[in-house]
Amino acid sequence: GKIRNVFDFVAMNHVLCFSDNLVLEVKEKLITKFFVDKKLIKDFDTLISKSTRYYPKTKIDFPVDEKDAYLLELAEESKAGYLITGDKKHLLPLKHWEKTIIISPSDFIKIIKVRFPKGTFK
């Protein structure tokens, strides 16, 4: 589905940046919210093993939702081009953090389809 397509495309065309907190949150959401199968979890683990792991030293005060501050710390530390999130309440309204574009998975897919129109992305 859409989640696998985003993972696969990003893994082939970009550098993935993760922190320990993000790995835990993504796995938890994949299982509890998206009910993905064990194969996708195994594929995610493989993807993580090939990604760049960050341990952000900068602490950001994000009073709107303290538990999401680590995502902004990761984006800042890694100098991420995109922060792909489904958090419509706290993160997506920001639109940017420093030089990082905060975008939904659906909007990220739209960008990919424009940049890679020859069927690279399903």
N, C-alpha and C. Protein backbone atom coordinates (compact mmCIF):
# COMPACT_ATOMS: atom_id res chain seq x y z
N GLY A 1 0.79 -1.19 0.00
CA GLY A 1 0.00 0.00 0.00
C GLY A 1 0.84 1.26 0.00
N LYS A 2 0.22 2.34 0.38
CA LYS A 2 0.84 3.66 0.37
C LYS A 2 2.08 3.72 1.27
N ILE A 3 2.00 3.10 2.45
CA ILE A 3 3.12 3.13 3.39
C ILE A 3 4.34 2.46 2.78
N ARG A 4 4.14 1.28 2.21
CA ARG A 4 5.25 0.55 1.59
C ARG A 4 5.84 1.36 0.44
N ASN A 5 4.99 1.98 -0.37
CA ASN A 5 5.47 2.78 -1.49
C ASN A 5 6.36 3.93 -1.02
N VAL A 6 5.93 4.63 0.03
CA VAL A 6 6.74 5.73 0.57
C VAL A 6 8.06 5.19 1.08
N PHE A 7 8.04 4.14 1.89
CA PHE A 7 9.29 3.55 2.40
C PHE A 7 10.23 3.16 1.27
N ASP A 8 9.70 2.42 0.30
CA ASP A 8 10.54 1.93 -0.79
C ASP A 8 11.13 3.08 -1.59
N PHE A 9 10.31 4.05 -1.94
CA PHE A 9 10.80 5.16 -2.75
C PHE A 9 11.86 5.96 -2.00
N VAL A 10 11.57 6.30 -0.76
CA VAL A 10 12.51 7.10 0.02
C VAL A 10 13.83 6.33 0.19
N ALA A 11 13.75 5.05 0.46
CA ALA A 11 14.95 4.25 0.66
C ALA A 11 15.83 4.21 -0.59
N MET A 12 15.20 4.19 -1.76
CA MET A 12 15.96 4.12 -3.01
C MET A 12 16.51 5.47 -3.46
N ASN A 13 15.88 6.55 -3.04
CA ASN A 13 16.21 7.86 -3.61
C ASN A 13 16.68 8.92 -2.62
N HIS A 14 16.64 8.62 -1.34
CA HIS A 14 17.00 9.61 -0.33
C HIS A 14 17.74 8.95 0.82
N VAL A 15 18.33 9.77 1.65
CA VAL A 15 18.94 9.28 2.88
C VAL A 15 17.88 9.32 3.97
N LEU A 16 17.65 8.19 4.59
CA LEU A 16 16.68 8.13 5.69
C LEU A 16 17.37 8.44 7.00
N CYS A 17 16.74 9.26 7.82
CA CYS A 17 17.30 9.64 9.10
C CYS A 17 16.33 9.19 10.20
N PHE A 18 16.85 8.43 11.14
CA PHE A 18 16.04 7.94 12.24
C PHE A 18 16.76 8.16 13.55
N SER A 19 15.97 8.26 14.60
CA SER A 19 16.48 8.23 15.97
C SER A 19 15.81 7.03 16.62
N ASP A 20 16.31 6.63 17.77
CA ASP A 20 15.70 5.49 18.48
C ASP A 20 14.22 5.75 18.75
N ASN A 21 13.90 6.97 19.18
CA ASN A 21 12.49 7.31 19.47
C ASN A 21 11.62 7.17 18.24
N LEU A 22 12.12 7.60 17.09
CA LEU A 22 11.33 7.52 15.86
C LEU A 22 11.11 6.08 15.44
N VAL A 23 12.12 5.24 15.57
CA VAL A 23 11.97 3.82 15.22
C VAL A 23 10.85 3.21 16.07
N LEU A 24 10.88 3.47 17.36
CA LEU A 24 9.85 2.92 18.25
C LEU A 24 8.46 3.43 17.88
N GLU A 25 8.34 4.72 17.60
CA GLU A 25 7.02 5.28 17.28
C GLU A 25 6.50 4.74 15.95
N VAL A 26 7.36 4.66 14.94
CA VAL A 26 6.91 4.17 13.64
C VAL A 26 6.45 2.72 13.76
N LYS A 27 7.22 1.89 14.43
CA LYS A 27 6.82 0.48 14.60
C LYS A 27 5.48 0.37 15.32
N GLU A 28 5.33 1.15 16.38
CA GLU A 28 4.09 1.10 17.15
C GLU A 28 2.89 1.51 16.28
N LYS A 29 3.06 2.57 15.48
CA LYS A 29 1.96 3.03 14.61
C LYS A 29 1.68 2.03 13.50
N LEU A 30 2.72 1.45 12.93
CA LEU A 30 2.51 0.47 11.87
C LEU A 30 1.66 -0.70 12.37
N ILE A 31 1.93 -1.11 13.58
CA ILE A 31 1.22 -2.27 14.14
C ILE A 31 -0.17 -1.89 14.64
N THR A 32 -0.27 -0.82 15.44
CA THR A 32 -1.55 -0.52 16.10
C THR A 32 -2.51 0.33 15.27
N LYS A 33 -1.98 1.16 14.39
CA LYS A 33 -2.86 2.05 13.62
C LYS A 33 -3.11 1.53 12.21
N PHE A 34 -2.05 0.99 11.59
CA PHE A 34 -2.16 0.56 10.20
C PHE A 34 -2.28 -0.95 10.05
N PHE A 35 -2.12 -1.69 11.15
CA PHE A 35 -2.28 -3.14 11.17
C PHE A 35 -1.49 -3.83 10.05
N VAL A 36 -0.24 -3.41 9.89
CA VAL A 36 0.57 -3.99 8.82
C VAL A 36 0.99 -5.42 9.18
N ASP A 37 1.34 -6.18 8.16
CA ASP A 37 1.74 -7.56 8.39
C ASP A 37 3.20 -7.63 8.84
N LYS A 38 3.58 -8.81 9.32
CA LYS A 38 4.93 -9.02 9.85
C LYS A 38 6.00 -8.81 8.77
N LYS A 39 5.66 -9.07 7.53
CA LYS A 39 6.61 -8.88 6.43
C LYS A 39 7.01 -7.41 6.32
N LEU A 40 6.04 -6.50 6.42
CA LEU A 40 6.36 -5.08 6.34
C LEU A 40 7.20 -4.64 7.54
N ILE A 41 6.93 -5.17 8.71
CA ILE A 41 7.73 -4.84 9.89
C ILE A 41 9.17 -5.32 9.67
N LYS A 42 9.32 -6.53 9.13
CA LYS A 42 10.67 -7.05 8.84
C LYS A 42 11.36 -6.17 7.79
N ASP A 43 10.62 -5.76 6.76
CA ASP A 43 11.17 -4.86 5.74
C ASP A 43 11.56 -3.52 6.35
N PHE A 44 10.75 -3.04 7.28
CA PHE A 44 11.06 -1.79 7.97
C PHE A 44 12.36 -1.94 8.75
N ASP A 45 12.53 -3.05 9.45
CA ASP A 45 13.76 -3.29 10.19
C ASP A 45 14.98 -3.29 9.26
N THR A 46 14.82 -3.89 8.09
CA THR A 46 15.90 -3.90 7.10
C THR A 46 16.20 -2.47 6.64
N LEU A 47 15.15 -1.72 6.38
CA LEU A 47 15.30 -0.33 5.96
C LEU A 47 16.03 0.48 7.03
N ILE A 48 15.67 0.28 8.27
CA ILE A 48 16.30 1.00 9.38
C ILE A 48 17.78 0.65 9.46
N SER A 49 18.11 -0.60 9.24
CA SER A 49 19.51 -1.01 9.32
C SER A 49 20.37 -0.32 8.26
N LYS A 50 19.74 0.16 7.19
CA LYS A 50 20.46 0.85 6.12
C LYS A 50 20.36 2.37 6.22
N SER A 51 19.66 2.85 7.22
CA SER A 51 19.45 4.29 7.36
C SER A 51 20.54 4.91 8.22
N THR A 52 20.53 6.23 8.28
CA THR A 52 21.46 6.95 9.13
C THR A 52 20.78 7.18 10.47
N ARG A 53 21.44 6.74 11.53
CA ARG A 53 20.89 6.89 12.88
C ARG A 53 21.46 8.15 13.51
N TYR A 54 20.59 8.95 14.07
CA TYR A 54 21.00 10.18 14.73
C TYR A 54 20.66 10.11 16.21
N TYR A 55 21.50 10.77 16.99
CA TYR A 55 21.28 10.89 18.43
C TYR A 55 21.34 12.40 18.73
N PRO A 56 20.24 13.10 18.45
CA PRO A 56 20.26 14.57 18.56
C PRO A 56 20.69 15.05 19.93
N LYS A 57 21.60 16.03 19.89
CA LYS A 57 22.09 16.64 21.12
C LYS A 57 21.30 17.89 21.47
N THR A 58 20.74 18.53 20.45
CA THR A 58 19.95 19.73 20.65
C THR A 58 18.60 19.37 21.26
N LYS A 59 18.21 20.10 22.26
CA LYS A 59 16.89 19.91 22.86
C LYS A 59 16.02 21.10 22.47
N ILE A 60 14.87 20.80 21.92
CA ILE A 60 13.95 21.84 21.45
C ILE A 60 12.76 21.90 22.39
N ASP A 61 12.42 23.11 22.75
CA ASP A 61 11.23 23.34 23.57
C ASP A 61 10.04 23.48 22.62
N PHE A 62 9.16 22.50 22.63
CA PHE A 62 7.98 22.50 21.77
C PHE A 62 6.76 22.31 22.66
N PRO A 63 6.32 23.39 23.32
CA PRO A 63 5.25 23.27 24.31
C PRO A 63 3.91 22.82 23.74
N VAL A 64 3.72 22.96 22.43
CA VAL A 64 2.46 22.53 21.82
C VAL A 64 2.25 21.04 22.03
N ASP A 65 3.34 20.27 21.93
CA ASP A 65 3.28 18.82 22.16
C ASP A 65 4.69 18.33 22.46
N GLU A 66 5.03 18.31 23.72
CA GLU A 66 6.39 17.95 24.15
C GLU A 66 6.86 16.61 23.59
N LYS A 67 5.92 15.65 23.43
CA LYS A 67 6.34 14.33 22.98
C LYS A 67 6.75 14.32 21.50
N ASP A 68 6.44 15.37 20.76
CA ASP A 68 6.87 15.47 19.36
C ASP A 68 8.15 16.27 19.18
N ALA A 69 8.67 16.84 20.25
CA ALA A 69 9.89 17.65 20.15
C ALA A 69 11.04 16.86 19.55
N TYR A 70 11.12 15.56 19.83
CA TYR A 70 12.22 14.76 19.31
C TYR A 70 12.24 14.71 17.78
N LEU A 71 11.07 14.84 17.16
CA LEU A 71 11.02 14.84 15.69
C LEU A 71 11.65 16.12 15.13
N LEU A 72 11.39 17.23 15.79
CA LEU A 72 11.98 18.50 15.37
C LEU A 72 13.49 18.49 15.64
N GLU A 73 13.88 17.89 16.75
CA GLU A 73 15.31 17.75 17.06
C GLU A 73 16.01 16.93 16.00
N LEU A 74 15.39 15.83 15.60
CA LEU A 74 15.95 14.97 14.56
C LEU A 74 16.04 15.70 13.22
N ALA A 75 14.98 16.41 12.86
CA ALA A 75 14.96 17.16 11.60
C ALA A 75 16.08 18.20 11.58
N GLU A 76 16.24 18.88 12.69
CA GLU A 76 17.27 19.92 12.78
C GLU A 76 18.67 19.31 12.74
N GLU A 77 18.90 18.30 13.53
CA GLU A 77 20.23 17.66 13.61
C GLU A 77 20.64 17.05 12.27
N SER A 78 19.70 16.41 11.59
CA SER A 78 20.01 15.71 10.34
C SER A 78 19.95 16.63 9.12
N LYS A 79 19.48 17.85 9.34
CA LYS A 79 19.27 18.79 8.23
C LYS A 79 18.36 18.17 7.17
N ALA A 80 17.30 17.55 7.64
CA ALA A 80 16.35 16.84 6.78
C ALA A 80 15.66 17.79 5.81
N GLY A 81 15.47 17.31 4.58
CA GLY A 81 14.72 18.07 3.60
C GLY A 81 13.23 18.00 3.89
N TYR A 82 12.80 16.82 4.35
CA TYR A 82 11.38 16.59 4.64
C TYR A 82 11.22 15.88 5.97
N LEU A 83 10.16 16.23 6.67
CA LEU A 83 9.68 15.48 7.81
C LEU A 83 8.28 15.02 7.40
N ILE A 84 8.15 13.72 7.15
CA ILE A 84 6.89 13.15 6.68
C ILE A 84 6.11 12.67 7.90
N THR A 85 4.92 13.24 8.10
CA THR A 85 4.16 12.94 9.31
C THR A 85 2.66 12.99 9.03
N GLY A 86 1.93 12.28 9.84
CA GLY A 86 0.48 12.32 9.77
C GLY A 86 -0.12 13.17 10.89
N ASP A 87 0.74 13.84 11.68
CA ASP A 87 0.29 14.63 12.82
C ASP A 87 -0.33 15.96 12.36
N LYS A 88 -1.66 15.91 12.12
CA LYS A 88 -2.38 17.08 11.62
C LYS A 88 -2.59 18.15 12.70
N LYS A 89 -2.51 17.74 13.94
CA LYS A 89 -2.82 18.66 15.03
C LYS A 89 -1.63 19.54 15.42
N HIS A 90 -0.42 18.96 15.47
CA HIS A 90 0.72 19.70 16.00
C HIS A 90 1.81 20.00 14.98
N LEU A 91 2.18 19.02 14.16
CA LEU A 91 3.34 19.20 13.28
C LEU A 91 3.01 19.75 11.90
N LEU A 92 2.01 19.20 11.25
CA LEU A 92 1.68 19.66 9.89
C LEU A 92 1.33 21.15 9.83
N PRO A 93 0.64 21.71 10.84
CA PRO A 93 0.36 23.15 10.77
C PRO A 93 1.62 24.03 10.74
N LEU A 94 2.75 23.51 11.22
CA LEU A 94 3.99 24.29 11.20
C LEU A 94 4.49 24.53 9.77
N LYS A 95 4.27 23.56 8.90
CA LYS A 95 4.70 23.57 7.49
C LYS A 95 6.22 23.50 7.31
N HIS A 96 6.99 24.15 8.18
CA HIS A 96 8.45 24.13 8.11
C HIS A 96 9.02 24.11 9.52
N TRP A 97 10.21 23.57 9.63
CA TRP A 97 11.00 23.73 10.85
C TRP A 97 12.43 23.94 10.39
N GLU A 98 12.96 25.13 10.67
CA GLU A 98 14.24 25.52 10.09
C GLU A 98 14.13 25.36 8.57
N LYS A 99 14.97 24.50 7.97
CA LYS A 99 14.92 24.32 6.51
C LYS A 99 14.17 23.05 6.11
N THR A 100 13.56 22.38 7.07
CA THR A 100 12.84 21.14 6.81
C THR A 100 11.38 21.42 6.47
N ILE A 101 10.91 20.83 5.39
CA ILE A 101 9.50 20.93 5.01
C ILE A 101 8.74 19.84 5.77
N ILE A 102 7.68 20.20 6.45
CA ILE A 102 6.86 19.23 7.17
C ILE A 102 5.66 18.93 6.29
N ILE A 103 5.49 17.66 5.95
CA ILE A 103 4.55 17.28 4.91
C ILE A 103 3.85 15.96 5.26
N SER A 104 2.63 15.80 4.78
CA SER A 104 1.90 14.54 5.00
C SER A 104 2.38 13.50 4.00
N PRO A 105 2.19 12.21 4.30
CA PRO A 105 2.56 11.17 3.33
C PRO A 105 1.86 11.38 1.98
N SER A 106 0.59 11.76 1.99
CA SER A 106 -0.15 11.96 0.74
C SER A 106 0.45 13.09 -0.09
N ASP A 107 0.81 14.19 0.55
CA ASP A 107 1.41 15.30 -0.18
C ASP A 107 2.81 14.95 -0.67
N PHE A 108 3.53 14.15 0.11
CA PHE A 108 4.86 13.69 -0.32
C PHE A 108 4.72 12.83 -1.58
N ILE A 109 3.73 11.97 -1.61
CA ILE A 109 3.48 11.13 -2.79
C ILE A 109 3.17 12.00 -4.00
N LYS A 110 2.40 13.07 -3.82
CA LYS A 110 2.09 13.98 -4.93
C LYS A 110 3.36 14.60 -5.50
N ILE A 111 4.27 15.01 -4.63
CA ILE A 111 5.54 15.60 -5.07
C ILE A 111 6.34 14.57 -5.86
N ILE A 112 6.40 13.36 -5.34
CA ILE A 112 7.15 12.31 -6.01
C ILE A 112 6.59 12.04 -7.41
N LYS A 113 5.28 11.98 -7.51
CA LYS A 113 4.65 11.70 -8.81
C LYS A 113 4.95 12.79 -9.83
N VAL A 114 5.07 14.03 -9.37
CA VAL A 114 5.42 15.13 -10.28
C VAL A 114 6.88 15.03 -10.70
N ARG A 115 7.75 14.72 -9.75
CA ARG A 115 9.19 14.66 -10.04
C ARG A 115 9.59 13.40 -10.79
N PHE A 116 8.85 12.33 -10.61
CA PHE A 116 9.17 11.04 -11.24
C PHE A 116 7.93 10.51 -11.96
N PRO A 117 7.55 11.17 -13.05
CA PRO A 117 6.26 10.83 -13.71
C PRO A 117 6.25 9.52 -14.48
N LYS A 118 7.37 8.88 -14.68
CA LYS A 118 7.41 7.69 -15.54
C LYS A 118 7.11 6.40 -14.80
N GLY A 119 6.33 6.45 -13.76
CA GLY A 119 5.92 5.22 -13.09
C GLY A 119 6.91 4.70 -12.08
N THR A 120 7.91 5.50 -11.70
CA THR A 120 8.86 5.09 -10.69
C THR A 120 8.15 4.84 -9.37
N PHE A 121 7.09 5.59 -9.18
CA PHE A 121 6.36 5.51 -7.91
C PHE A 121 4.92 5.12 -8.21
N LYS A 122 4.43 4.12 -7.50
CA LYS A 122 3.07 3.62 -7.71
C LYS A 122 2.04 4.49 -7.02
